[in-house]
Amino acid sequence: MRSLFLSGGRHALYGATPFSLIARLTLMRGEAVGSLRLYPIHTRNETNDFQPRFATRQERDRLMPLLYGGRRLQDLPGAVTGVDGFGPYLDLPLGLPRDEEEAQAAQ
């Protein structure tokens, strides 16, 4: 089991990054597609004094390839990055492809 909050450098012991994610799920009715918004948070207690914080844009951008096995944002159909009142995020659309072309693009 991996801890959300890593202290004393244990992230290296487990091969984990010093980051976790907060997820915000938005569901829509009808034709609209919902989304999953992921906020990376920095959880390394020895550098954050046991106060997790939202990741910076640079940290988010370094973390993204780890989430998708080295894939680039451009390879994730409909995915967008942004920043809001909480911090940097990655938005992933939810829903099924509407036609065969979109289904192939999603693979």
PDB file of N, CA and C in Angstrom:
ATOM      1  N   MET A   1       0.846  -1.180   0.000  1.00  0.00           N
ATOM      2  CA  MET A   1       0.000   0.000   0.000  1.00  0.00           C
ATOM      3  C   MET A   1       0.891   1.243   0.000  1.00  0.00           C
ATOM      4  N   ARG A   2       0.538   2.221  -0.805  1.00  0.00           N
ATOM      5  CA  ARG A   2       1.298   3.470  -0.861  1.00  0.00           C
ATOM      6  C   ARG A   2       0.542   4.557  -0.122  1.00  0.00           C
ATOM      7  N   SER A   3       1.282   5.318   0.607  1.00  0.00           N
ATOM      8  CA  SER A   3       0.700   6.386   1.405  1.00  0.00           C
ATOM      9  C   SER A   3       0.439   7.613   0.546  1.00  0.00           C
ATOM     10  N   LEU A   4      -0.628   8.308   0.851  1.00  0.00           N
ATOM     11  CA  LEU A   4      -0.914   9.569   0.180  1.00  0.00           C
ATOM     12  C   LEU A   4       0.138  10.609   0.536  1.00  0.00           C
ATOM     13  N   PHE A   5       0.541  10.644   1.782  1.00  0.00           N
ATOM     14  CA  PHE A   5       1.495  11.632   2.250  1.00  0.00           C
ATOM     15  C   PHE A   5       2.800  10.920   2.614  1.00  0.00           C
ATOM     16  N   LEU A   6       3.846  11.233   1.904  1.00  0.00           N
ATOM     17  CA  LEU A   6       5.120  10.530   2.058  1.00  0.00           C
ATOM     18  C   LEU A   6       6.087  11.361   2.884  1.00  0.00           C
ATOM     19  N   SER A   7       6.584  10.798   3.955  1.00  0.00           N
ATOM     20  CA  SER A   7       7.525  11.531   4.798  1.00  0.00           C
ATOM     21  C   SER A   7       8.875  10.829   4.823  1.00  0.00           C
ATOM     22  N   GLY A   8       9.887  11.562   5.216  1.00  0.00           N
ATOM     23  CA  GLY A   8      11.201  10.998   5.388  1.00  0.00           C
ATOM     24  C   GLY A   8      11.805  10.402   4.128  1.00  0.00           C
ATOM     25  N   GLY A   9      11.396  10.850   2.965  1.00  0.00           N
ATOM     26  CA  GLY A   9      11.955  10.349   1.721  1.00  0.00           C
ATOM     27  C   GLY A   9      11.471   8.969   1.335  1.00  0.00           C
ATOM     28  N   ARG A  10      10.394   8.494   1.922  1.00  0.00           N
ATOM     29  CA  ARG A  10       9.915   7.146   1.616  1.00  0.00           C
ATOM     30  C   ARG A  10       9.404   7.009   0.193  1.00  0.00           C
ATOM     31  N   HIS A  11       9.122   8.116  -0.482  1.00  0.00           N
ATOM     32  CA  HIS A  11       8.664   8.017  -1.867  1.00  0.00           C
ATOM     33  C   HIS A  11       9.719   7.315  -2.714  1.00  0.00           C
ATOM     34  N   ALA A  12      11.000   7.583  -2.458  1.00  0.00           N
ATOM     35  CA  ALA A  12      12.070   6.929  -3.209  1.00  0.00           C
ATOM     36  C   ALA A  12      12.124   5.440  -2.887  1.00  0.00           C
ATOM     37  N   LEU A  13      11.884   5.078  -1.646  1.00  0.00           N
ATOM     38  CA  LEU A  13      11.891   3.683  -1.223  1.00  0.00           C
ATOM     39  C   LEU A  13      10.846   2.872  -1.985  1.00  0.00           C
ATOM     40  N   TYR A  14       9.692   3.456  -2.234  1.00  0.00           N
ATOM     41  CA  TYR A  14       8.605   2.767  -2.926  1.00  0.00           C
ATOM     42  C   TYR A  14       8.564   3.050  -4.424  1.00  0.00           C
ATOM     43  N   GLY A  15       9.499   3.833  -4.917  1.00  0.00           N
ATOM     44  CA  GLY A  15       9.497   4.171  -6.338  1.00  0.00           C
ATOM     45  C   GLY A  15       8.338   5.071  -6.730  1.00  0.00           C
ATOM     46  N   ALA A  16       7.859   5.860  -5.785  1.00  0.00           N
ATOM     47  CA  ALA A  16       6.715   6.752  -6.024  1.00  0.00           C
ATOM     48  C   ALA A  16       7.197   8.178  -6.246  1.00  0.00           C
ATOM     49  N   THR A  17       6.416   8.938  -6.985  1.00  0.00           N
ATOM     50  CA  THR A  17       6.698  10.360  -7.121  1.00  0.00           C
ATOM     51  C   THR A  17       6.160  11.058  -5.874  1.00  0.00           C
ATOM     52  N   PRO A  18       6.659  12.242  -5.541  1.00  0.00           N
ATOM     53  CA  PRO A  18       6.143  12.946  -4.368  1.00  0.00           C
ATOM     54  C   PRO A  18       4.844  13.708  -4.681  1.00  0.00           C
ATOM     55  N   PHE A  19       3.980  13.093  -5.488  1.00  0.00           N
ATOM     56  CA  PHE A  19       2.728  13.724  -5.886  1.00  0.00           C
ATOM     57  C   PHE A  19       1.569  12.761  -5.700  1.00  0.00           C
ATOM     58  N   SER A  20       0.408  13.312  -5.464  1.00  0.00           N
ATOM     59  CA  SER A  20      -0.851  12.588  -5.480  1.00  0.00           C
ATOM     60  C   SER A  20      -1.817  13.411  -6.312  1.00  0.00           C
ATOM     61  N   LEU A  21      -3.041  12.955  -6.433  1.00  0.00           N
ATOM     62  CA  LEU A  21      -4.042  13.657  -7.230  1.00  0.00           C
ATOM     63  C   LEU A  21      -5.316  13.853  -6.431  1.00  0.00           C
ATOM     64  N   ILE A  22      -5.927  14.993  -6.629  1.00  0.00           N
ATOM     65  CA  ILE A  22      -7.288  15.228  -6.168  1.00  0.00           C
ATOM     66  C   ILE A  22      -8.139  15.208  -7.420  1.00  0.00           C
ATOM     67  N   ALA A  23      -9.198  14.434  -7.405  1.00  0.00           N
ATOM     68  CA  ALA A  23     -10.057  14.292  -8.580  1.00  0.00           C
ATOM     69  C   ALA A  23     -11.389  14.993  -8.353  1.00  0.00           C
ATOM     70  N   ARG A  24     -11.848  15.686  -9.392  1.00  0.00           N
ATOM     71  CA  ARG A  24     -13.167  16.332  -9.383  1.00  0.00           C
ATOM     72  C   ARG A  24     -13.934  15.785 -10.574  1.00  0.00           C
ATOM     73  N   LEU A  25     -15.020  15.097 -10.304  1.00  0.00           N
ATOM     74  CA  LEU A  25     -15.835  14.473 -11.341  1.00  0.00           C
ATOM     75  C   LEU A  25     -17.070  15.324 -11.596  1.00  0.00           C
ATOM     76  N   THR A  26     -17.272  15.703 -12.859  1.00  0.00           N
ATOM     77  CA  THR A  26     -18.445  16.481 -13.246  1.00  0.00           C
ATOM     78  C   THR A  26     -19.260  15.646 -14.222  1.00  0.00           C
ATOM     79  N   LEU A  27     -20.518  15.403 -13.888  1.00  0.00           N
ATOM     80  CA  LEU A  27     -21.409  14.635 -14.754  1.00  0.00           C
ATOM     81  C   LEU A  27     -22.467  15.560 -15.328  1.00  0.00           C
ATOM     82  N   MET A  28     -22.794  15.362 -16.598  1.00  0.00           N
ATOM     83  CA  MET A  28     -23.773  16.198 -17.285  1.00  0.00           C
ATOM     84  C   MET A  28     -24.935  15.327 -17.773  1.00  0.00           C
ATOM     85  N   ARG A  29     -26.068  15.941 -17.980  1.00  0.00           N
ATOM     86  CA  ARG A  29     -27.227  15.234 -18.520  1.00  0.00           C
ATOM     87  C   ARG A  29     -27.309  15.425 -20.028  1.00  0.00           C
ATOM     88  N   GLY A  30     -27.941  14.477 -20.687  1.00  0.00           N
ATOM     89  CA  GLY A  30     -28.193  14.618 -22.116  1.00  0.00           C
ATOM     90  C   GLY A  30     -26.945  14.428 -22.964  1.00  0.00           C
ATOM     91  N   GLU A  31     -26.819  15.252 -24.000  1.00  0.00           N
ATOM     92  CA  GLU A  31     -25.730  15.147 -24.965  1.00  0.00           C
ATOM     93  C   GLU A  31     -24.389  15.630 -24.431  1.00  0.00           C
ATOM     94  N   ALA A  32     -24.408  16.454 -23.405  1.00  0.00           N
ATOM     95  CA  ALA A  32     -23.163  17.010 -22.885  1.00  0.00           C
ATOM     96  C   ALA A  32     -22.290  15.903 -22.298  1.00  0.00           C
ATOM     97  N   VAL A  33     -21.006  16.080 -22.412  1.00  0.00           N
ATOM     98  CA  VAL A  33     -20.039  15.123 -21.887  1.00  0.00           C
ATOM     99  C   VAL A  33     -19.516  15.645 -20.561  1.00  0.00           C
ATOM    100  N   GLY A  34     -19.414  14.780 -19.584  1.00  0.00           N
ATOM    101  CA  GLY A  34     -18.853  15.160 -18.299  1.00  0.00           C
ATOM    102  C   GLY A  34     -17.337  15.205 -18.386  1.00  0.00           C
ATOM    103  N   SER A  35     -16.699  15.481 -17.248  1.00  0.00           N
ATOM    104  CA  SER A  35     -15.246  15.536 -17.255  1.00  0.00           C
ATOM    105  C   SER A  35     -14.684  15.062 -15.915  1.00  0.00           C
ATOM    106  N   LEU A  36     -13.444  14.669 -15.973  1.00  0.00           N
ATOM    107  CA  LEU A  36     -12.680  14.328 -14.794  1.00  0.00           C
ATOM    108  C   LEU A  36     -11.543  15.324 -14.725  1.00  0.00           C
ATOM    109  N   ARG A  37     -11.529  16.143 -13.691  1.00  0.00           N
ATOM    110  CA  ARG A  37     -10.477  17.142 -13.516  1.00  0.00           C
ATOM    111  C   ARG A  37      -9.520  16.626 -12.446  1.00  0.00           C
ATOM    112  N   LEU A  38      -8.250  16.542 -12.808  1.00  0.00           N
ATOM    113  CA  LEU A  38      -7.225  16.047 -11.900  1.00  0.00           C
ATOM    114  C   LEU A  38      -6.313  17.186 -11.479  1.00  0.00           C
ATOM    115  N   TYR A  39      -6.241  17.394 -10.175  1.00  0.00           N
ATOM    116  CA  TYR A  39      -5.343  18.402  -9.601  1.00  0.00           C
ATOM    117  C   TYR A  39      -4.166  17.674  -8.953  1.00  0.00           C
ATOM    118  N   PRO A  40      -2.958  17.810  -9.473  1.00  0.00           N
ATOM    119  CA  PRO A  40      -1.823  17.208  -8.784  1.00  0.00           C
ATOM    120  C   PRO A  40      -1.476  18.007  -7.530  1.00  0.00           C
ATOM    121  N   ILE A  41      -1.170  17.281  -6.475  1.00  0.00           N
ATOM    122  CA  ILE A  41      -0.730  17.929  -5.244  1.00  0.00           C
ATOM    123  C   ILE A  41       0.647  17.385  -4.871  1.00  0.00           C
ATOM    124  N   HIS A  42       1.476  18.240  -4.317  1.00  0.00           N
ATOM    125  CA  HIS A  42       2.822  17.867  -3.885  1.00  0.00           C
ATOM    126  C   HIS A  42       2.716  17.391  -2.444  1.00  0.00           C
ATOM    127  N   THR A  43       3.143  16.152  -2.183  1.00  0.00           N
ATOM    128  CA  THR A  43       2.896  15.541  -0.874  1.00  0.00           C
ATOM    129  C   THR A  43       4.163  15.139  -0.128  1.00  0.00           C
ATOM    130  N   ARG A  44       5.302  15.621  -0.549  1.00  0.00           N
ATOM    131  CA  ARG A  44       6.554  15.234   0.133  1.00  0.00           C
ATOM    132  C   ARG A  44       6.693  16.039   1.427  1.00  0.00           C
ATOM    133  N   ASN A  45       6.419  15.382   2.535  1.00  0.00           N
ATOM    134  CA  ASN A  45       6.374  16.060   3.833  1.00  0.00           C
ATOM    135  C   ASN A  45       7.683  16.716   4.221  1.00  0.00           C
ATOM    136  N   GLU A  46       8.796  16.125   3.863  1.00  0.00           N
ATOM    137  CA  GLU A  46      10.076  16.702   4.295  1.00  0.00           C
ATOM    138  C   GLU A  46      10.362  18.043   3.626  1.00  0.00           C
ATOM    139  N   THR A  47       9.732  18.330   2.491  1.00  0.00           N
ATOM    140  CA  THR A  47       9.920  19.639   1.859  1.00  0.00           C
ATOM    141  C   THR A  47       8.712  20.559   2.050  1.00  0.00           C
ATOM    142  N   ASN A  48       7.557  19.998   2.380  1.00  0.00           N
ATOM    143  CA  ASN A  48       6.328  20.787   2.546  1.00  0.00           C
ATOM    144  C   ASN A  48       5.952  21.002   4.008  1.00  0.00           C
ATOM    145  N   ASP A  49       6.793  20.552   4.936  1.00  0.00           N
ATOM    146  CA  ASP A  49       6.498  20.686   6.361  1.00  0.00           C
ATOM    147  C   ASP A  49       5.119  20.118   6.700  1.00  0.00           C
ATOM    148  N   PHE A  50       4.813  18.945   6.132  1.00  0.00           N
ATOM    149  CA  PHE A  50       3.568  18.215   6.382  1.00  0.00           C
ATOM    150  C   PHE A  50       2.324  18.996   5.967  1.00  0.00           C
ATOM    151  N   GLN A  51       2.479  19.895   4.997  1.00  0.00           N
ATOM    152  CA  GLN A  51       1.361  20.667   4.460  1.00  0.00           C
ATOM    153  C   GLN A  51       1.276  20.431   2.953  1.00  0.00           C
ATOM    154  N   PRO A  52       0.508  19.435   2.483  1.00  0.00           N
ATOM    155  CA  PRO A  52       0.395  19.221   1.036  1.00  0.00           C
ATOM    156  C   PRO A  52      -0.045  20.511   0.357  1.00  0.00           C
ATOM    157  N   ARG A  53       0.448  20.705  -0.860  1.00  0.00           N
ATOM    158  CA  ARG A  53       0.093  21.908  -1.615  1.00  0.00           C
ATOM    159  C   ARG A  53      -0.209  21.514  -3.049  1.00  0.00           C
ATOM    160  N   PHE A  54      -0.975  22.358  -3.724  1.00  0.00           N
ATOM    161  CA  PHE A  54      -1.223  22.126  -5.140  1.00  0.00           C
ATOM    162  C   PHE A  54       0.087  22.274  -5.900  1.00  0.00           C
ATOM    163  N   ALA A  55       0.271  21.452  -6.910  1.00  0.00           N
ATOM    164  CA  ALA A  55       1.487  21.488  -7.721  1.00  0.00           C
ATOM    165  C   ALA A  55       1.533  22.772  -8.540  1.00  0.00           C
ATOM    166  N   THR A  56       2.731  23.154  -8.929  1.00  0.00           N
ATOM    167  CA  THR A  56       2.893  24.281  -9.849  1.00  0.00           C
ATOM    168  C   THR A  56       2.594  23.805 -11.267  1.00  0.00           C
ATOM    169  N   ARG A  57       2.495  24.722 -12.198  1.00  0.00           N
ATOM    170  CA  ARG A  57       2.287  24.344 -13.602  1.00  0.00           C
ATOM    171  C   ARG A  57       3.425  23.462 -14.095  1.00  0.00           C
ATOM    172  N   GLN A  58       4.656  23.820 -13.738  1.00  0.00           N
ATOM    173  CA  GLN A  58       5.818  23.044 -14.175  1.00  0.00           C
ATOM    174  C   GLN A  58       5.776  21.631 -13.603  1.00  0.00           C
ATOM    175  N   GLU A  59       5.395  21.502 -12.344  1.00  0.00           N
ATOM    176  CA  GLU A  59       5.285  20.171 -11.734  1.00  0.00           C
ATOM    177  C   GLU A  59       4.179  19.360 -12.397  1.00  0.00           C
ATOM    178  N   ARG A  60       3.043  19.995 -12.683  1.00  0.00           N
ATOM    179  CA  ARG A  60       1.952  19.304 -13.383  1.00  0.00           C
ATOM    180  C   ARG A  60       2.434  18.788 -14.731  1.00  0.00           C
ATOM    181  N   ASP A  61       3.153  19.622 -15.463  1.00  0.00           N
ATOM    182  CA  ASP A  61       3.604  19.233 -16.793  1.00  0.00           C
ATOM    183  C   ASP A  61       4.623  18.098 -16.733  1.00  0.00           C
ATOM    184  N   ARG A  62       5.454  18.060 -15.702  1.00  0.00           N
ATOM    185  CA  ARG A  62       6.400  16.949 -15.521  1.00  0.00           C
ATOM    186  C   ARG A  62       5.684  15.667 -15.131  1.00  0.00           C
ATOM    187  N   LEU A  63       4.602  15.788 -14.381  1.00  0.00           N
ATOM    188  CA  LEU A  63       3.865  14.635 -13.886  1.00  0.00           C
ATOM    189  C   LEU A  63       2.995  13.981 -14.958  1.00  0.00           C
ATOM    190  N   MET A  64       2.487  14.759 -15.899  1.00  0.00           N
ATOM    191  CA  MET A  64       1.524  14.235 -16.881  1.00  0.00           C
ATOM    192  C   MET A  64       2.011  13.013 -17.649  1.00  0.00           C
ATOM    193  N   PRO A  65       3.237  12.987 -18.166  1.00  0.00           N
ATOM    194  CA  PRO A  65       3.667  11.776 -18.877  1.00  0.00           C
ATOM    195  C   PRO A  65       3.670  10.525 -17.994  1.00  0.00           C
ATOM    196  N   LEU A  66       3.877  10.694 -16.699  1.00  0.00           N
ATOM    197  CA  LEU A  66       3.844   9.550 -15.788  1.00  0.00           C
ATOM    198  C   LEU A  66       2.439   8.973 -15.673  1.00  0.00           C
ATOM    199  N   LEU A  67       1.422   9.838 -15.796  1.00  0.00           N
ATOM    200  CA  LEU A  67       0.039   9.384 -15.707  1.00  0.00           C
ATOM    201  C   LEU A  67      -0.379   8.556 -16.915  1.00  0.00           C
ATOM    202  N   TYR A  68       0.227   8.820 -18.055  1.00  0.00           N
ATOM    203  CA  TYR A  68      -0.221   8.203 -19.303  1.00  0.00           C
ATOM    204  C   TYR A  68       0.878   7.441 -20.013  1.00  0.00           C
ATOM    205  N   GLY A  69       1.780   6.844 -19.257  1.00  0.00           N
ATOM    206  CA  GLY A  69       2.801   5.999 -19.841  1.00  0.00           C
ATOM    207  C   GLY A  69       3.657   6.691 -20.881  1.00  0.00           C
ATOM    208  N   GLY A  70       3.982   7.952 -20.662  1.00  0.00           N
ATOM    209  CA  GLY A  70       4.844   8.690 -21.577  1.00  0.00           C
ATOM    210  C   GLY A  70       4.123   9.359 -22.726  1.00  0.00           C
ATOM    211  N   ARG A  71       2.798   9.199 -22.813  1.00  0.00           N
ATOM    212  CA  ARG A  71       2.053   9.836 -23.901  1.00  0.00           C
ATOM    213  C   ARG A  71       1.989  11.338 -23.703  1.00  0.00           C
ATOM    214  N   ARG A  72       1.917  12.067 -24.806  1.00  0.00           N
ATOM    215  CA  ARG A  72       1.821  13.527 -24.760  1.00  0.00           C
ATOM    216  C   ARG A  72       0.354  13.944 -24.658  1.00  0.00           C
ATOM    217  N   LEU A  73       0.136  15.149 -24.188  1.00  0.00           N
ATOM    218  CA  LEU A  73      -1.226  15.677 -24.077  1.00  0.00           C
ATOM    219  C   LEU A  73      -1.932  15.636 -25.426  1.00  0.00           C
ATOM    220  N   GLN A  74      -1.196  15.902 -26.492  1.00  0.00           N
ATOM    221  CA  GLN A  74      -1.781  15.901 -27.836  1.00  0.00           C
ATOM    222  C   GLN A  74      -2.309  14.516 -28.214  1.00  0.00           C
ATOM    223  N   ASP A  75      -1.817  13.469 -27.564  1.00  0.00           N
ATOM    224  CA  ASP A  75      -2.255  12.105 -27.855  1.00  0.00           C
ATOM    225  C   ASP A  75      -3.508  11.717 -27.085  1.00  0.00           C
ATOM    226  N   LEU A  76      -4.002  12.588 -26.227  1.00  0.00           N
ATOM    227  CA  LEU A  76      -5.185  12.300 -25.418  1.00  0.00           C
ATOM    228  C   LEU A  76      -6.356  13.124 -25.942  1.00  0.00           C
ATOM    229  N   PRO A  77      -7.239  12.532 -26.742  1.00  0.00           N
ATOM    230  CA  PRO A  77      -8.332  13.294 -27.360  1.00  0.00           C
ATOM    231  C   PRO A  77      -9.177  14.050 -26.333  1.00  0.00           C
ATOM    232  N   GLY A  78      -9.302  15.339 -26.529  1.00  0.00           N
ATOM    233  CA  GLY A  78     -10.150  16.170 -25.685  1.00  0.00           C
ATOM    234  C   GLY A  78      -9.532  16.618 -24.373  1.00  0.00           C
ATOM    235  N   ALA A  79      -8.337  16.148 -24.051  1.00  0.00           N
ATOM    236  CA  ALA A  79      -7.700  16.532 -22.789  1.00  0.00           C
ATOM    237  C   ALA A  79      -7.169  17.958 -22.889  1.00  0.00           C
ATOM    238  N   VAL A  80      -7.358  18.715 -21.832  1.00  0.00           N
ATOM    239  CA  VAL A  80      -6.857  20.088 -21.787  1.00  0.00           C
ATOM    240  C   VAL A  80      -6.267  20.365 -20.406  1.00  0.00           C
ATOM    241  N   THR A  81      -5.317  21.292 -20.364  1.00  0.00           N
ATOM    242  CA  THR A  81      -4.777  21.740 -19.097  1.00  0.00           C
ATOM    243  C   THR A  81      -5.259  23.150 -18.828  1.00  0.00           C
ATOM    244  N   GLY A  82      -5.212  23.536 -17.596  1.00  0.00           N
ATOM    245  CA  GLY A  82      -5.610  24.878 -17.226  1.00  0.00           C
ATOM    246  C   GLY A  82      -5.237  25.153 -15.782  1.00  0.00           C
ATOM    247  N   VAL A  83      -5.637  26.318 -15.328  1.00  0.00           N
ATOM    248  CA  VAL A  83      -5.412  26.730 -13.946  1.00  0.00           C
ATOM    249  C   VAL A  83      -6.691  27.401 -13.468  1.00  0.00           C
ATOM    250  N   ASP A  84      -7.139  27.062 -12.270  1.00  0.00           N
ATOM    251  CA  ASP A  84      -8.293  27.746 -11.688  1.00  0.00           C
ATOM    252  C   ASP A  84      -7.933  28.208 -10.279  1.00  0.00           C
ATOM    253  N   GLY A  85      -8.917  28.506  -9.474  1.00  0.00           N
ATOM    254  CA  GLY A  85      -8.669  29.024  -8.133  1.00  0.00           C
ATOM    255  C   GLY A  85      -7.932  28.065  -7.213  1.00  0.00           C
ATOM    256  N   PHE A  86      -7.928  26.778  -7.533  1.00  0.00           N
ATOM    257  CA  PHE A  86      -7.206  25.798  -6.725  1.00  0.00           C
ATOM    258  C   PHE A  86      -5.772  25.628  -7.194  1.00  0.00           C
ATOM    259  N   GLY A  87      -5.588  25.576  -8.499  1.00  0.00           N
ATOM    260  CA  GLY A  87      -4.256  25.370  -9.045  1.00  0.00           C
ATOM    261  C   GLY A  87      -4.310  24.770 -10.433  1.00  0.00           C
ATOM    262  N   PRO A  88      -3.161  24.336 -10.940  1.00  0.00           N
ATOM    263  CA  PRO A  88      -3.093  23.714 -12.262  1.00  0.00           C
ATOM    264  C   PRO A  88      -3.850  22.386 -12.277  1.00  0.00           C
ATOM    265  N   TYR A  89      -4.459  22.071 -13.418  1.00  0.00           N
ATOM    266  CA  TYR A  89      -5.228  20.829 -13.527  1.00  0.00           C
ATOM    267  C   TYR A  89      -5.096  20.246 -14.924  1.00  0.00           C
ATOM    268  N   LEU A  90      -5.565  19.001 -15.031  1.00  0.00           N
ATOM    269  CA  LEU A  90      -5.719  18.308 -16.299  1.00  0.00           C
ATOM    270  C   LEU A  90      -7.161  17.877 -16.384  1.00  0.00           C
ATOM    271  N   ASP A  91      -7.879  18.297 -17.428  1.00  0.00           N
ATOM    272  CA  ASP A  91      -9.268  17.904 -17.657  1.00  0.00           C
ATOM    273  C   ASP A  91      -9.316  16.804 -18.699  1.00  0.00           C
ATOM    274  N   LEU A  92     -10.027  15.734 -18.364  1.00  0.00           N
ATOM    275  CA  LEU A  92     -10.230  14.633 -19.296  1.00  0.00           C
ATOM    276  C   LEU A  92     -11.719  14.491 -19.556  1.00  0.00           C
ATOM    277  N   PRO A  93     -12.151  14.502 -20.816  1.00  0.00           N
ATOM    278  CA  PRO A  93     -13.570  14.360 -21.112  1.00  0.00           C
ATOM    279  C   PRO A  93     -14.044  12.939 -20.829  1.00  0.00           C
ATOM    280  N   LEU A  94     -15.299  12.818 -20.434  1.00  0.00           N
ATOM    281  CA  LEU A  94     -15.913  11.514 -20.205  1.00  0.00           C
ATOM    282  C   LEU A  94     -17.025  11.319 -21.215  1.00  0.00           C
ATOM    283  N   GLY A  95     -17.157  10.132 -21.707  1.00  0.00           N
ATOM    284  CA  GLY A  95     -18.223   9.836 -22.656  1.00  0.00           C
ATOM    285  C   GLY A  95     -17.727   8.889 -23.717  1.00  0.00           C
ATOM    286  N   LEU A  96     -18.643   8.371 -24.481  1.00  0.00           N
ATOM    287  CA  LEU A  96     -18.304   7.443 -25.550  1.00  0.00           C
ATOM    288  C   LEU A  96     -18.121   8.187 -26.859  1.00  0.00           C
ATOM    289  N   PRO A  97     -17.194   7.738 -27.716  1.00  0.00           N
ATOM    290  CA  PRO A  97     -17.039   8.367 -29.023  1.00  0.00           C
ATOM    291  C   PRO A  97     -18.353   8.298 -29.799  1.00  0.00           C
ATOM    292  N   ARG A  98     -18.645   9.352 -30.549  1.00  0.00           N
ATOM    293  CA  ARG A  98     -19.924   9.437 -31.256  1.00  0.00           C
ATOM    294  C   ARG A  98     -19.919   8.715 -32.596  1.00  0.00           C
ATOM    295  N   ASP A  99     -18.754   8.469 -33.166  1.00  0.00           N
ATOM    296  CA  ASP A  99     -18.730   7.743 -34.430  1.00  0.00           C
ATOM    297  C   ASP A  99     -17.430   6.944 -34.545  1.00  0.00           C
ATOM    298  N   GLU A 100     -17.320   6.163 -35.585  1.00  0.00           N
ATOM    299  CA  GLU A 100     -16.170   5.279 -35.786  1.00  0.00           C
ATOM    300  C   GLU A 100     -14.842   6.049 -35.845  1.00  0.00           C
ATOM    301  N   GLU A 101     -14.835   7.214 -36.461  1.00  0.00           N
ATOM    302  CA  GLU A 101     -13.614   8.002 -36.583  1.00  0.00           C
ATOM    303  C   GLU A 101     -13.100   8.430 -35.213  1.00  0.00           C
ATOM    304  N   GLU A 102     -14.011   8.882 -34.345  1.00  0.00           N
ATOM    305  CA  GLU A 102     -13.619   9.273 -33.001  1.00  0.00           C
ATOM    306  C   GLU A 102     -13.142   8.067 -32.209  1.00  0.00           C
ATOM    307  N   ALA A 103     -13.761   6.908 -32.419  1.00  0.00           N
ATOM    308  CA  ALA A 103     -13.355   5.690 -31.725  1.00  0.00           C
ATOM    309  C   ALA A 103     -11.920   5.322 -32.092  1.00  0.00           C
ATOM    310  N   GLN A 104     -11.568   5.453 -33.352  1.00  0.00           N
ATOM    311  CA  GLN A 104     -10.204   5.134 -33.786  1.00  0.00           C
ATOM    312  C   GLN A 104      -9.227   6.161 -33.239  1.00  0.00           C
ATOM    313  N   ALA A 105      -9.604   7.414 -33.203  1.00  0.00           N
ATOM    314  CA  ALA A 105      -8.720   8.471 -32.702  1.00  0.00           C
ATOM    315  C   ALA A 105      -8.441   8.284 -31.214  1.00  0.00           C
ATOM    316  N   ALA A 106      -9.384   7.711 -30.500  1.00  0.00           N
ATOM    317  CA  ALA A 106      -9.236   7.528 -29.059  1.00  0.00           C
ATOM    318  C   ALA A 106      -8.303   6.364 -28.716  1.00  0.00           C
ATOM    319  N   GLN A 107      -7.978   5.525 -29.678  1.00  0.00           N
ATOM    320  CA  GLN A 107      -7.122   4.354 -29.387  1.00  0.00           C
ATOM    321  C   GLN A 107      -5.666   4.686 -29.461  1.00  0.00           C
TER     322      GLN A 107
END
